[in-house]
């Protein structure tokens, strides 16, 4: 990644069982990667199955890359949709 890149958008599915989403989200929590957006999207034709879209912000790119490798092992259909530099928020100085 570019050295100034500190944000990513990802998409994945998890097994339809208690705790499966938490197992994936915990990968990011353990590495101090901030979750700034989470959205569930129903999968057409699959009752009770959802894809999850996340935006993540990190300080250390190597820690983020490790988290992505771990997530790929736990989640189904994992996709890294984009990596970019986070924009300034309106309330930041």
Foldseek 3Di string as FASTA:
>chain_A
DPPQWFKFKKKFWADPDPPLVVVLVVLCVVLVKDWPDWDWADDPPDPPTTMIMTMIGDDDVVSVVVSLVVNPVRTHPMDTPDIGHDDDDPPDD
